[in-house]
Amino acid sequence: MTHYCLDACSIINLFCGWGGIQDLHSFGMSWSTTTTALDEFKEVRIRQADGTIVRSPLDQQVLLQQFPLLIHSELTQDELATAAALSEQIDDGEAECIAVAHHRSLVFVSDDVPAIAAATNLGVSAVSSLDLISQWADLEPSRLAKLPEILVRIETLARYVPHRNHARRSWWDGIRCSTD
């Protein structure tokens, strides 16, 4: 079974796109994050009934009730050393997730270009939240119709658009063009 370690930006994008992380259940795989990465996700932008967007605090317990992520709260000495070295280049939560993924042979999930590059340089397998959303849609054909709305929510609520060199950018653009 594949085990994934999600950084904060990927959790935010999945949460905003799906309206929560409960759809991780669809995969039948193992999911985790670190305490530091989870602590970086303190609030979420939500669309009100009148169309306005407001920031709302996020209760981590509610998030974890949607899907029980394994939380790596104690890192080994090797993981801490790797995270410390990576922290010179990227955020602490991403550095910890990469270190955990590296030392425990997990797949790192991020939408941050420098973090993905750092993971790749260490030989860590990495995927983006867009890869996961695409796979999720492929698991059940009726989900394909939901993709335009999901990507609009990611763009609007998570304020994320993939970099022009992102492997999924043409996929994103094709779906987003269908909503304009």
C-alpha atoms as a PDB file:
ATOM      1  CA  MET A   1       0.000   0.000   0.000  1.00  0.00           C
ATOM      2  CA  THR A   2       1.255   3.477  -0.867  1.00  0.00           C
ATOM      3  CA  HIS A   3       1.650   5.898   2.006  1.00  0.00           C
ATOM      4  CA  TYR A   4       1.569   9.652   1.420  1.00  0.00           C
ATOM      5  CA  CYS A   5       2.826  12.563   3.525  1.00  0.00           C
ATOM      6  CA  LEU A   6       0.902  15.778   2.783  1.00  0.00           C
ATOM      7  CA  ASP A   7       2.310  19.244   3.353  1.00  0.00           C
ATOM      8  CA  ALA A   8       0.083  22.170   4.348  1.00  0.00           C
ATOM      9  CA  CYS A   9      -0.432  23.592   0.847  1.00  0.00           C
ATOM     10  CA  SER A  10      -1.627  20.244  -0.500  1.00  0.00           C
ATOM     11  CA  ILE A  11      -4.028  19.817   2.423  1.00  0.00           C
ATOM     12  CA  ILE A  12      -5.341  23.344   1.823  1.00  0.00           C
ATOM     13  CA  ASN A  13      -5.833  22.741  -1.912  1.00  0.00           C
ATOM     14  CA  LEU A  14      -7.593  19.412  -1.357  1.00  0.00           C
ATOM     15  CA  PHE A  15      -9.705  20.865   1.451  1.00  0.00           C
ATOM     16  CA  CYS A  16     -10.781  23.861  -0.634  1.00  0.00           C
ATOM     17  CA  GLY A  17     -11.335  21.844  -3.795  1.00  0.00           C
ATOM     18  CA  TRP A  18     -13.352  19.044  -2.256  1.00  0.00           C
ATOM     19  CA  GLY A  19     -14.865  21.065   0.585  1.00  0.00           C
ATOM     20  CA  GLY A  20     -12.954  18.903   3.071  1.00  0.00           C
ATOM     21  CA  ILE A  21     -10.495  16.013   3.013  1.00  0.00           C
ATOM     22  CA  GLN A  22     -13.061  13.238   3.331  1.00  0.00           C
ATOM     23  CA  ASP A  23     -12.485  12.186  -0.294  1.00  0.00           C
ATOM     24  CA  LEU A  24      -9.098  10.771   0.691  1.00  0.00           C
ATOM     25  CA  HIS A  25     -11.184   7.722   1.661  1.00  0.00           C
ATOM     26  CA  SER A  26     -11.698   7.066  -2.066  1.00  0.00           C
ATOM     27  CA  PHE A  27      -8.087   6.041  -2.515  1.00  0.00           C
ATOM     28  CA  GLY A  28      -7.813   3.233   0.032  1.00  0.00           C
ATOM     29  CA  MET A  29      -4.301   4.353   0.849  1.00  0.00           C
ATOM     30  CA  SER A  30      -2.514   5.672   3.895  1.00  0.00           C
ATOM     31  CA  TRP A  31      -2.210   9.437   4.492  1.00  0.00           C
ATOM     32  CA  SER A  32      -0.183  11.463   6.971  1.00  0.00           C
ATOM     33  CA  THR A  33       1.354  14.837   7.731  1.00  0.00           C
ATOM     34  CA  THR A  34       3.552  16.362  10.419  1.00  0.00           C
ATOM     35  CA  THR A  35       2.479  18.429  13.392  1.00  0.00           C
ATOM     36  CA  THR A  36       4.301  21.462  11.984  1.00  0.00           C
ATOM     37  CA  ALA A  37       2.634  21.156   8.567  1.00  0.00           C
ATOM     38  CA  LEU A  38      -0.794  20.701  10.136  1.00  0.00           C
ATOM     39  CA  ASP A  39      -0.210  23.728  12.373  1.00  0.00           C
ATOM     40  CA  GLU A  40       0.382  25.848   9.239  1.00  0.00           C
ATOM     41  CA  PHE A  41      -3.257  25.235   8.254  1.00  0.00           C
ATOM     42  CA  LYS A  42      -5.096  27.388  10.817  1.00  0.00           C
ATOM     43  CA  GLU A  43      -7.784  29.006   8.722  1.00  0.00           C
ATOM     44  CA  VAL A  44      -9.628  28.540   5.485  1.00  0.00           C
ATOM     45  CA  ARG A  45     -11.333  30.882   3.082  1.00  0.00           C
ATOM     46  CA  ILE A  46     -15.017  30.065   2.568  1.00  0.00           C
ATOM     47  CA  ARG A  47     -17.613  31.435   0.188  1.00  0.00           C
ATOM     48  CA  GLN A  48     -20.687  32.856   1.920  1.00  0.00           C
ATOM     49  CA  ALA A  49     -24.206  32.418   0.523  1.00  0.00           C
ATOM     50  CA  ASP A  50     -24.038  35.980  -0.872  1.00  0.00           C
ATOM     51  CA  GLY A  51     -20.841  35.131  -2.784  1.00  0.00           C
ATOM     52  CA  THR A  52     -18.425  36.994  -0.534  1.00  0.00           C
ATOM     53  CA  ILE A  53     -15.327  35.177   0.647  1.00  0.00           C
ATOM     54  CA  VAL A  54     -14.301  35.303   4.295  1.00  0.00           C
ATOM     55  CA  ARG A  55     -11.551  33.753   6.370  1.00  0.00           C
ATOM     56  CA  SER A  56     -12.693  31.248   8.945  1.00  0.00           C
ATOM     57  CA  PRO A  57     -10.657  29.503  11.652  1.00  0.00           C
ATOM     58  CA  LEU A  58     -10.180  25.797  11.033  1.00  0.00           C
ATOM     59  CA  ASP A  59     -10.678  23.354  13.869  1.00  0.00           C
ATOM     60  CA  GLN A  60      -8.063  20.644  13.349  1.00  0.00           C
ATOM     61  CA  GLN A  61     -10.246  18.109  15.153  1.00  0.00           C
ATOM     62  CA  VAL A  62     -13.017  18.681  12.601  1.00  0.00           C
ATOM     63  CA  LEU A  63     -10.475  18.234   9.811  1.00  0.00           C
ATOM     64  CA  LEU A  64      -9.203  14.987  11.326  1.00  0.00           C
ATOM     65  CA  GLN A  65     -12.767  13.712  11.755  1.00  0.00           C
ATOM     66  CA  GLN A  66     -13.216  14.049   7.986  1.00  0.00           C
ATOM     67  CA  PHE A  67     -10.206  11.806   7.466  1.00  0.00           C
ATOM     68  CA  PRO A  68      -7.948  10.498  10.235  1.00  0.00           C
ATOM     69  CA  LEU A  69      -4.514  11.573   8.993  1.00  0.00           C
ATOM     70  CA  LEU A  70      -1.612   9.964  10.815  1.00  0.00           C
ATOM     71  CA  ILE A  71       0.243  12.851  12.467  1.00  0.00           C
ATOM     72  CA  HIS A  72       4.018  12.477  12.714  1.00  0.00           C
ATOM     73  CA  SER A  73       4.592  14.392  15.949  1.00  0.00           C
ATOM     74  CA  GLU A  74       7.992  13.005  16.885  1.00  0.00           C
ATOM     75  CA  LEU A  75      10.729  12.857  14.307  1.00  0.00           C
ATOM     76  CA  THR A  76      13.833  10.699  14.544  1.00  0.00           C
ATOM     77  CA  GLN A  77      17.280  12.273  14.833  1.00  0.00           C
ATOM     78  CA  ASP A  78      17.932  11.564  11.145  1.00  0.00           C
ATOM     79  CA  GLU A  79      14.590  13.138  10.169  1.00  0.00           C
ATOM     80  CA  LEU A  80      15.324  16.197  12.311  1.00  0.00           C
ATOM     81  CA  ALA A  81      18.758  16.612  10.716  1.00  0.00           C
ATOM     82  CA  THR A  82      17.290  16.336   7.217  1.00  0.00           C
ATOM     83  CA  ALA A  83      14.477  18.759   8.077  1.00  0.00           C
ATOM     84  CA  ALA A  84      16.947  21.259   9.537  1.00  0.00           C
ATOM     85  CA  ALA A  85      19.068  21.163   6.378  1.00  0.00           C
ATOM     86  CA  LEU A  86      15.986  21.564   4.169  1.00  0.00           C
ATOM     87  CA  SER A  87      14.636  24.438   6.300  1.00  0.00           C
ATOM     88  CA  GLU A  88      17.347  26.651   4.845  1.00  0.00           C
ATOM     89  CA  GLN A  89      15.573  26.404   1.457  1.00  0.00           C
ATOM     90  CA  ILE A  90      11.879  25.819   2.218  1.00  0.00           C
ATOM     91  CA  ASP A  91       9.257  26.229   4.964  1.00  0.00           C
ATOM     92  CA  ASP A  92       9.547  24.139   8.119  1.00  0.00           C
ATOM     93  CA  GLY A  93       6.372  22.128   7.491  1.00  0.00           C
ATOM     94  CA  GLU A  94       7.459  21.173   3.989  1.00  0.00           C
ATOM     95  CA  ALA A  95      10.966  20.354   5.246  1.00  0.00           C
ATOM     96  CA  GLU A  96       9.566  18.034   7.925  1.00  0.00           C
ATOM     97  CA  CYS A  97       7.222  16.299   5.478  1.00  0.00           C
ATOM     98  CA  ILE A  98      10.053  15.713   3.014  1.00  0.00           C
ATOM     99  CA  ALA A  99      12.316  14.424   5.793  1.00  0.00           C
ATOM    100  CA  VAL A 100       9.623  12.007   6.985  1.00  0.00           C
ATOM    101  CA  ALA A 101       8.910  10.900   3.414  1.00  0.00           C
ATOM    102  CA  HIS A 102      12.634  10.411   2.769  1.00  0.00           C
ATOM    103  CA  HIS A 103      13.415   8.371   5.872  1.00  0.00           C
ATOM    104  CA  ARG A 104      10.181   6.346   5.886  1.00  0.00           C
ATOM    105  CA  SER A 105       9.919   5.750   2.124  1.00  0.00           C
ATOM    106  CA  LEU A 106       6.679   7.715   1.729  1.00  0.00           C
ATOM    107  CA  VAL A 107       5.385   9.745  -1.215  1.00  0.00           C
ATOM    108  CA  PHE A 108       5.578  13.492  -0.592  1.00  0.00           C
ATOM    109  CA  VAL A 109       2.526  15.553  -1.596  1.00  0.00           C
ATOM    110  CA  SER A 110       3.002  19.264  -2.270  1.00  0.00           C
ATOM    111  CA  ASP A 111       2.077  22.030  -4.667  1.00  0.00           C
ATOM    112  CA  ASP A 112       5.117  24.124  -3.816  1.00  0.00           C
ATOM    113  CA  VAL A 113       7.680  24.136  -6.639  1.00  0.00           C
ATOM    114  CA  PRO A 114      10.779  24.591  -4.401  1.00  0.00           C
ATOM    115  CA  ALA A 115       9.554  21.860  -2.030  1.00  0.00           C
ATOM    116  CA  ILE A 116       8.970  19.417  -4.876  1.00  0.00           C
ATOM    117  CA  ALA A 117      12.446  20.225  -6.232  1.00  0.00           C
ATOM    118  CA  ALA A 118      13.997  19.645  -2.793  1.00  0.00           C
ATOM    119  CA  ALA A 119      12.179  16.310  -2.474  1.00  0.00           C
ATOM    120  CA  THR A 120      13.260  15.239  -5.950  1.00  0.00           C
ATOM    121  CA  ASN A 121      16.882  16.164  -5.170  1.00  0.00           C
ATOM    122  CA  LEU A 122      16.724  13.780  -2.194  1.00  0.00           C
ATOM    123  CA  GLY A 123      15.234  11.016  -4.319  1.00  0.00           C
ATOM    124  CA  VAL A 124      11.801  11.296  -2.672  1.00  0.00           C
ATOM    125  CA  SER A 125       8.785  10.483  -4.846  1.00  0.00           C
ATOM    126  CA  ALA A 126       6.529  13.521  -5.071  1.00  0.00           C
ATOM    127  CA  VAL A 127       3.057  14.222  -6.411  1.00  0.00           C
ATOM    128  CA  SER A 128       0.834  17.292  -6.367  1.00  0.00           C
ATOM    129  CA  SER A 129      -2.706  17.715  -5.105  1.00  0.00           C
ATOM    130  CA  LEU A 130      -3.701  18.086  -8.772  1.00  0.00           C
ATOM    131  CA  ASP A 131      -2.301  14.615  -9.462  1.00  0.00           C
ATOM    132  CA  LEU A 132      -4.478  13.306  -6.632  1.00  0.00           C
ATOM    133  CA  ILE A 133      -7.586  15.143  -7.830  1.00  0.00           C
ATOM    134  CA  SER A 134      -7.052  13.794 -11.348  1.00  0.00           C
ATOM    135  CA  GLN A 135      -6.665  10.249  -9.989  1.00  0.00           C
ATOM    136  CA  TRP A 136      -9.750  10.750  -7.809  1.00  0.00           C
ATOM    137  CA  ALA A 137     -11.791  11.759 -10.856  1.00  0.00           C
ATOM    138  CA  ASP A 138     -10.467   8.770 -12.826  1.00  0.00           C
ATOM    139  CA  LEU A 139     -11.656   6.369 -10.101  1.00  0.00           C
ATOM    140  CA  GLU A 140     -15.293   7.157 -10.912  1.00  0.00           C
ATOM    141  CA  PRO A 141     -16.298   8.663 -14.285  1.00  0.00           C
ATOM    142  CA  SER A 142     -19.183  10.672 -12.772  1.00  0.00           C
ATOM    143  CA  ARG A 143     -16.593  12.747 -10.892  1.00  0.00           C
ATOM    144  CA  LEU A 144     -15.193  14.245 -14.102  1.00  0.00           C
ATOM    145  CA  ALA A 145     -18.148  16.653 -14.235  1.00  0.00           C
ATOM    146  CA  LYS A 146     -17.149  17.965 -10.781  1.00  0.00           C
ATOM    147  CA  LEU A 147     -13.618  18.934 -11.817  1.00  0.00           C
ATOM    148  CA  PRO A 148     -14.426  22.456 -13.123  1.00  0.00           C
ATOM    149  CA  GLU A 149     -16.077  23.415  -9.838  1.00  0.00           C
ATOM    150  CA  ILE A 150     -13.261  21.846  -7.805  1.00  0.00           C
ATOM    151  CA  LEU A 151     -10.586  23.787  -9.698  1.00  0.00           C
ATOM    152  CA  VAL A 152     -12.529  27.046  -9.388  1.00  0.00           C
ATOM    153  CA  ARG A 153     -12.722  26.499  -5.613  1.00  0.00           C
ATOM    154  CA  ILE A 154      -8.988  25.810  -5.426  1.00  0.00           C
ATOM    155  CA  GLU A 155      -8.220  28.945  -7.423  1.00  0.00           C
ATOM    156  CA  THR A 156     -10.667  31.126  -5.491  1.00  0.00           C
ATOM    157  CA  LEU A 157     -10.452  29.764  -1.955  1.00  0.00           C
ATOM    158  CA  ALA A 158      -6.920  28.351  -1.779  1.00  0.00           C
ATOM    159  CA  ARG A 159      -5.615  31.044  -4.143  1.00  0.00           C
ATOM    160  CA  TYR A 160      -3.683  28.449  -6.073  1.00  0.00           C
ATOM    161  CA  VAL A 161      -3.034  28.211  -9.797  1.00  0.00           C
ATOM    162  CA  PRO A 162      -0.330  25.793 -10.956  1.00  0.00           C
ATOM    163  CA  HIS A 163       2.892  27.314 -12.273  1.00  0.00           C
ATOM    164  CA  ARG A 164       3.086  27.512 -16.064  1.00  0.00           C
ATOM    165  CA  ASN A 165       5.712  24.716 -16.020  1.00  0.00           C
ATOM    166  CA  HIS A 166       3.663  22.444 -13.745  1.00  0.00           C
ATOM    167  CA  ALA A 167       3.090  18.991 -15.260  1.00  0.00           C
ATOM    168  CA  ARG A 168      -0.673  19.408 -14.769  1.00  0.00           C
ATOM    169  CA  ARG A 169      -0.934  22.982 -16.100  1.00  0.00           C
ATOM    170  CA  SER A 170      -2.388  22.049 -19.512  1.00  0.00           C
ATOM    171  CA  TRP A 171      -4.836  19.699 -17.748  1.00  0.00           C
ATOM    172  CA  TRP A 172      -5.814  22.589 -15.421  1.00  0.00           C
ATOM    173  CA  ASP A 173      -6.163  25.063 -18.294  1.00  0.00           C
ATOM    174  CA  GLY A 174      -8.321  22.661 -20.307  1.00  0.00           C
ATOM    175  CA  ILE A 175     -10.734  22.184 -17.423  1.00  0.00           C
ATOM    176  CA  ARG A 176     -10.726  25.862 -16.389  1.00  0.00           C
ATOM    177  CA  CYS A 177     -11.442  26.969 -19.982  1.00  0.00           C
ATOM    178  CA  SER A 178     -14.642  24.950 -19.845  1.00  0.00           C
ATOM    179  CA  THR A 179     -15.878  27.149 -16.946  1.00  0.00           C
ATOM    180  CA  ASP A 180     -15.102  30.576 -18.415  1.00  0.00           C
END
